[in-house]
């Protein structure tokens, strides 16, 4: 799913998958725990947490910077893909963003 995003690189370390674009991380996934952490803006984080409080929670240490914990068992694939796309757009270089059409809102 994340590897469909232009310029994405994947690294596996410490029991997680790390996804980045141009060496900027936008998502970490712990598959066995059904959990991900995404780099959203604080405004995006607030909107997701308010609309889907069981699925989206601010990160403990870096939550104030938009890092958001996603409990995958409480979200649909479409909503997860939408949030992941926003996270990718938040860190991707401006010249790369237009290469991917915006997804439908989750």
N, C-alpha and C. Protein backbone atom coordinates (compact mmCIF):
# COMPACT_ATOMS: atom_id res chain seq x y z
N UNK A 1 0.83 -1.19 0.00
CA UNK A 1 0.00 0.00 0.00
C UNK A 1 0.88 1.26 0.00
N UNK A 2 1.78 1.37 0.97
CA UNK A 2 2.62 2.57 1.06
C UNK A 2 3.62 2.63 -0.09
N UNK A 3 4.04 1.47 -0.58
CA UNK A 3 5.02 1.47 -1.67
C UNK A 3 4.43 1.95 -2.99
N UNK A 4 3.10 2.13 -3.05
CA UNK A 4 2.46 2.72 -4.22
C UNK A 4 2.71 4.23 -4.31
N UNK A 5 3.14 4.82 -3.21
CA UNK A 5 3.36 6.26 -3.17
C UNK A 5 4.68 6.58 -3.87
N UNK A 6 4.70 7.55 -4.78
CA UNK A 6 5.92 7.89 -5.51
C UNK A 6 7.09 8.21 -4.58
N UNK A 7 8.24 7.65 -4.90
CA UNK A 7 9.47 7.95 -4.16
C UNK A 7 9.59 7.28 -2.82
N UNK A 8 8.68 6.39 -2.47
CA UNK A 8 8.70 5.77 -1.15
C UNK A 8 9.78 4.69 -1.05
N UNK A 9 10.49 4.72 0.07
CA UNK A 9 11.47 3.69 0.39
C UNK A 9 11.02 3.02 1.68
N UNK A 10 11.29 1.73 1.79
CA UNK A 10 10.90 0.97 2.98
C UNK A 10 12.14 0.42 3.66
N UNK A 11 12.15 0.51 4.98
CA UNK A 11 13.21 -0.10 5.78
C UNK A 11 12.53 -0.85 6.92
N UNK A 12 13.04 -2.02 7.22
CA UNK A 12 12.55 -2.76 8.37
C UNK A 12 13.57 -2.72 9.47
N UNK A 13 13.14 -2.33 10.66
CA UNK A 13 14.06 -2.27 11.79
C UNK A 13 13.28 -2.34 13.09
N UNK A 14 13.86 -2.99 14.06
CA UNK A 14 13.29 -3.06 15.41
C UNK A 14 11.83 -3.50 15.42
N UNK A 15 11.47 -4.47 14.57
CA UNK A 15 10.11 -5.00 14.56
C UNK A 15 9.09 -4.11 13.90
N UNK A 16 9.54 -3.15 13.10
CA UNK A 16 8.59 -2.26 12.42
C UNK A 16 9.05 -2.01 10.99
N UNK A 17 8.10 -1.57 10.19
CA UNK A 17 8.42 -1.13 8.83
C UNK A 17 8.39 0.39 8.85
N UNK A 18 9.39 0.98 8.23
CA UNK A 18 9.51 2.43 8.16
C UNK A 18 9.37 2.84 6.70
N UNK A 19 8.46 3.79 6.43
CA UNK A 19 8.25 4.28 5.08
C UNK A 19 8.62 5.76 5.02
N UNK A 20 9.45 6.08 4.02
CA UNK A 20 9.92 7.45 3.88
C UNK A 20 9.96 7.85 2.42
N UNK A 21 9.98 9.15 2.20
CA UNK A 21 10.15 9.70 0.87
C UNK A 21 11.27 10.74 0.97
N UNK A 22 12.29 10.57 0.14
CA UNK A 22 13.46 11.45 0.16
C UNK A 22 14.04 11.57 1.57
N UNK A 23 14.15 10.42 2.25
CA UNK A 23 14.73 10.30 3.58
C UNK A 23 13.93 10.98 4.69
N UNK A 24 12.66 11.30 4.43
CA UNK A 24 11.79 11.87 5.45
C UNK A 24 10.70 10.84 5.75
N UNK A 25 10.66 10.39 6.97
CA UNK A 25 9.70 9.37 7.37
C UNK A 25 8.29 9.95 7.44
N UNK A 26 7.34 9.21 6.88
CA UNK A 26 5.94 9.62 7.00
C UNK A 26 5.09 8.56 7.70
N UNK A 27 5.62 7.32 7.86
CA UNK A 27 4.83 6.31 8.55
C UNK A 27 5.72 5.17 9.04
N UNK A 28 5.40 4.69 10.23
CA UNK A 28 5.98 3.46 10.79
C UNK A 28 4.83 2.51 11.03
N UNK A 29 5.03 1.23 10.75
CA UNK A 29 3.97 0.23 10.92
C UNK A 29 4.50 -0.93 11.75
N UNK A 30 3.75 -1.30 12.78
CA UNK A 30 3.99 -2.48 13.58
C UNK A 30 2.87 -3.46 13.21
N UNK A 31 3.13 -4.33 12.25
CA UNK A 31 2.12 -5.22 11.70
C UNK A 31 1.53 -6.14 12.75
N UNK A 32 2.36 -6.74 13.56
CA UNK A 32 1.87 -7.68 14.57
C UNK A 32 0.99 -7.01 15.61
N UNK A 33 1.21 -5.74 15.86
CA UNK A 33 0.41 -4.99 16.84
C UNK A 33 -0.78 -4.27 16.19
N UNK A 34 -0.90 -4.38 14.87
CA UNK A 34 -1.98 -3.70 14.13
C UNK A 34 -2.00 -2.21 14.45
N UNK A 35 -0.80 -1.61 14.39
CA UNK A 35 -0.65 -0.20 14.76
C UNK A 35 0.29 0.48 13.80
N UNK A 36 0.00 1.73 13.52
CA UNK A 36 0.87 2.56 12.69
C UNK A 36 1.01 3.92 13.34
N UNK A 37 2.05 4.63 12.98
CA UNK A 37 2.24 6.02 13.41
C UNK A 37 2.49 6.82 12.14
N UNK A 38 1.69 7.87 11.95
CA UNK A 38 1.77 8.68 10.73
C UNK A 38 2.09 10.13 11.06
N UNK A 39 2.77 10.78 10.13
CA UNK A 39 3.14 12.20 10.29
C UNK A 39 2.06 13.07 9.66
N UNK A 40 1.10 13.48 10.48
CA UNK A 40 0.06 14.39 10.04
C UNK A 40 0.39 15.79 10.53
N UNK A 41 -0.31 16.79 10.04
CA UNK A 41 -0.18 18.12 10.61
C UNK A 41 -1.00 18.14 11.89
N UNK A 42 -0.72 19.07 12.80
CA UNK A 42 -1.55 19.14 14.02
C UNK A 42 -3.04 19.32 13.70
N UNK A 43 -3.37 20.08 12.66
CA UNK A 43 -4.79 20.28 12.30
C UNK A 43 -5.40 18.98 11.77
N UNK A 44 -4.67 18.26 10.94
CA UNK A 44 -5.15 16.97 10.44
C UNK A 44 -5.33 15.99 11.59
N UNK A 45 -4.35 15.97 12.49
CA UNK A 45 -4.41 15.09 13.65
C UNK A 45 -5.67 15.38 14.47
N UNK A 46 -5.93 16.64 14.74
CA UNK A 46 -7.10 17.01 15.53
C UNK A 46 -8.39 16.56 14.85
N UNK A 47 -8.48 16.73 13.54
CA UNK A 47 -9.68 16.33 12.81
C UNK A 47 -9.89 14.82 12.86
N UNK A 48 -8.82 14.05 12.63
CA UNK A 48 -8.93 12.59 12.67
C UNK A 48 -9.27 12.10 14.07
N UNK A 49 -8.62 12.65 15.08
CA UNK A 49 -8.85 12.22 16.46
C UNK A 49 -10.27 12.54 16.92
N UNK A 50 -10.80 13.66 16.47
CA UNK A 50 -12.17 14.03 16.85
C UNK A 50 -13.19 13.16 16.12
N UNK A 51 -12.97 12.91 14.85
CA UNK A 51 -13.93 12.14 14.05
C UNK A 51 -13.86 10.64 14.32
N UNK A 52 -12.67 10.14 14.67
CA UNK A 52 -12.46 8.69 14.85
C UNK A 52 -11.60 8.44 16.09
N UNK A 53 -12.13 8.72 17.29
CA UNK A 53 -11.31 8.64 18.51
C UNK A 53 -10.80 7.24 18.85
N UNK A 54 -11.47 6.19 18.38
CA UNK A 54 -10.99 4.83 18.65
C UNK A 54 -9.82 4.46 17.75
N UNK A 55 -9.73 5.10 16.59
CA UNK A 55 -8.72 4.73 15.61
C UNK A 55 -7.49 5.64 15.64
N UNK A 56 -7.66 6.92 15.91
CA UNK A 56 -6.57 7.89 15.84
C UNK A 56 -6.34 8.54 17.20
N UNK A 57 -5.07 8.52 17.64
CA UNK A 57 -4.69 9.06 18.94
C UNK A 57 -3.37 9.82 18.77
N UNK A 58 -3.23 11.02 19.36
CA UNK A 58 -1.93 11.71 19.28
C UNK A 58 -0.81 10.85 19.87
N UNK A 59 0.36 10.90 19.24
CA UNK A 59 1.51 10.18 19.77
C UNK A 59 1.92 10.72 21.13
N UNK A 60 2.55 9.89 21.95
CA UNK A 60 2.91 10.29 23.31
C UNK A 60 3.94 11.40 23.35
N UNK A 61 5.04 11.24 22.65
CA UNK A 61 6.11 12.23 22.74
C UNK A 61 6.05 13.27 21.63
N UNK A 62 5.78 12.83 20.41
CA UNK A 62 5.81 13.74 19.27
C UNK A 62 4.42 14.11 18.76
N UNK A 63 3.40 13.81 19.55
CA UNK A 63 2.03 14.12 19.15
C UNK A 63 1.80 15.59 18.89
N UNK A 64 2.48 16.45 19.62
CA UNK A 64 2.29 17.89 19.41
C UNK A 64 2.81 18.34 18.05
N UNK A 65 3.62 17.51 17.40
CA UNK A 65 4.13 17.80 16.06
C UNK A 65 3.33 17.08 14.97
N UNK A 66 2.23 16.45 15.36
CA UNK A 66 1.36 15.80 14.39
C UNK A 66 1.51 14.30 14.29
N UNK A 67 2.52 13.70 14.94
CA UNK A 67 2.67 12.25 14.87
C UNK A 67 1.47 11.60 15.55
N UNK A 68 0.79 10.74 14.81
CA UNK A 68 -0.49 10.20 15.22
C UNK A 68 -0.47 8.67 15.18
N UNK A 69 -0.90 8.06 16.28
CA UNK A 69 -1.01 6.60 16.35
C UNK A 69 -2.33 6.20 15.70
N UNK A 70 -2.26 5.19 14.84
CA UNK A 70 -3.45 4.67 14.17
C UNK A 70 -3.64 3.22 14.58
N UNK A 71 -4.76 2.93 15.22
CA UNK A 71 -5.10 1.56 15.59
C UNK A 71 -5.85 0.97 14.40
N UNK A 72 -5.15 0.14 13.63
CA UNK A 72 -5.67 -0.33 12.35
C UNK A 72 -6.94 -1.17 12.48
N UNK A 73 -7.13 -1.83 13.60
CA UNK A 73 -8.33 -2.64 13.74
C UNK A 73 -9.59 -1.80 13.89
N UNK A 74 -9.42 -0.51 14.14
CA UNK A 74 -10.57 0.38 14.31
C UNK A 74 -10.78 1.34 13.13
N UNK A 75 -10.12 1.07 12.02
CA UNK A 75 -10.27 1.94 10.86
C UNK A 75 -10.49 1.11 9.60
N UNK A 76 -11.15 1.70 8.63
CA UNK A 76 -11.35 1.02 7.35
C UNK A 76 -10.10 1.18 6.50
N UNK A 77 -9.97 0.33 5.50
CA UNK A 77 -8.82 0.44 4.60
C UNK A 77 -8.84 1.78 3.88
N UNK A 78 -10.03 2.22 3.49
CA UNK A 78 -10.14 3.50 2.77
C UNK A 78 -9.69 4.67 3.64
N UNK A 79 -10.11 4.69 4.90
CA UNK A 79 -9.70 5.77 5.81
C UNK A 79 -8.20 5.71 6.09
N UNK A 80 -7.67 4.49 6.25
CA UNK A 80 -6.23 4.33 6.48
C UNK A 80 -5.45 4.86 5.28
N UNK A 81 -5.88 4.49 4.07
CA UNK A 81 -5.20 4.97 2.85
C UNK A 81 -5.26 6.49 2.74
N UNK A 82 -6.40 7.07 3.10
CA UNK A 82 -6.54 8.53 3.04
C UNK A 82 -5.55 9.21 4.00
N UNK A 83 -5.49 8.72 5.24
CA UNK A 83 -4.56 9.29 6.22
C UNK A 83 -3.11 9.10 5.78
N UNK A 84 -2.80 7.92 5.24
CA UNK A 84 -1.45 7.65 4.77
C UNK A 84 -1.07 8.58 3.62
N UNK A 85 -2.02 8.85 2.73
CA UNK A 85 -1.75 9.76 1.62
C UNK A 85 -1.46 11.17 2.14
N UNK A 86 -2.22 11.61 3.13
CA UNK A 86 -1.96 12.94 3.72
C UNK A 86 -0.57 12.97 4.35
N UNK A 87 -0.22 11.91 5.08
CA UNK A 87 1.11 11.85 5.71
C UNK A 87 2.21 11.93 4.66
N UNK A 88 2.03 11.19 3.56
CA UNK A 88 3.01 11.22 2.47
C UNK A 88 3.12 12.64 1.91
N UNK A 89 1.98 13.27 1.64
CA UNK A 89 1.98 14.64 1.10
C UNK A 89 2.64 15.64 2.04
N UNK A 90 2.53 15.39 3.33
CA UNK A 90 3.12 16.31 4.32
C UNK A 90 4.65 16.31 4.30
N UNK A 91 5.26 15.23 3.85
CA UNK A 91 6.73 15.18 3.86
C UNK A 91 7.35 15.12 2.46
N UNK A 92 6.55 14.80 1.44
CA UNK A 92 7.09 14.68 0.08
C UNK A 92 7.53 16.04 -0.46
N UNK A 93 8.56 16.06 -1.29
CA UNK A 93 8.96 17.32 -1.92
C UNK A 93 7.81 17.88 -2.76
N UNK A 94 7.72 19.19 -2.82
CA UNK A 94 6.61 19.83 -3.54
C UNK A 94 6.54 19.41 -5.00
N UNK A 95 7.67 19.14 -5.62
CA UNK A 95 7.67 18.76 -7.03
C UNK A 95 7.13 17.34 -7.22
N UNK A 96 7.14 16.51 -6.17
CA UNK A 96 6.68 15.13 -6.28
C UNK A 96 5.18 14.97 -6.03
N UNK A 97 4.61 15.85 -5.23
CA UNK A 97 3.18 15.75 -4.84
C UNK A 97 2.25 15.70 -6.06
N UNK A 98 2.42 16.53 -7.09
CA UNK A 98 1.49 16.48 -8.22
C UNK A 98 1.53 15.17 -9.02
N UNK A 99 2.51 14.32 -8.77
CA UNK A 99 2.60 13.06 -9.51
C UNK A 99 1.59 12.03 -9.00
N UNK A 100 0.95 12.32 -7.89
CA UNK A 100 -0.04 11.40 -7.32
C UNK A 100 -1.38 12.11 -7.19
N UNK A 101 -2.43 11.58 -7.82
CA UNK A 101 -3.75 12.20 -7.65
C UNK A 101 -4.23 12.08 -6.20
N UNK A 102 -4.95 13.07 -5.75
CA UNK A 102 -5.49 13.04 -4.39
C UNK A 102 -6.54 11.94 -4.27
N UNK A 103 -6.51 11.17 -3.19
CA UNK A 103 -7.48 10.10 -3.01
C UNK A 103 -8.82 10.65 -2.54
N UNK A 104 -9.88 9.86 -2.67
CA UNK A 104 -11.17 10.30 -2.10
C UNK A 104 -11.07 10.34 -0.59
N UNK A 105 -11.75 11.28 0.02
CA UNK A 105 -11.71 11.40 1.47
C UNK A 105 -12.26 10.15 2.11
N UNK A 106 -11.59 9.72 3.19
CA UNK A 106 -11.94 8.50 3.89
C UNK A 106 -13.31 8.53 4.44
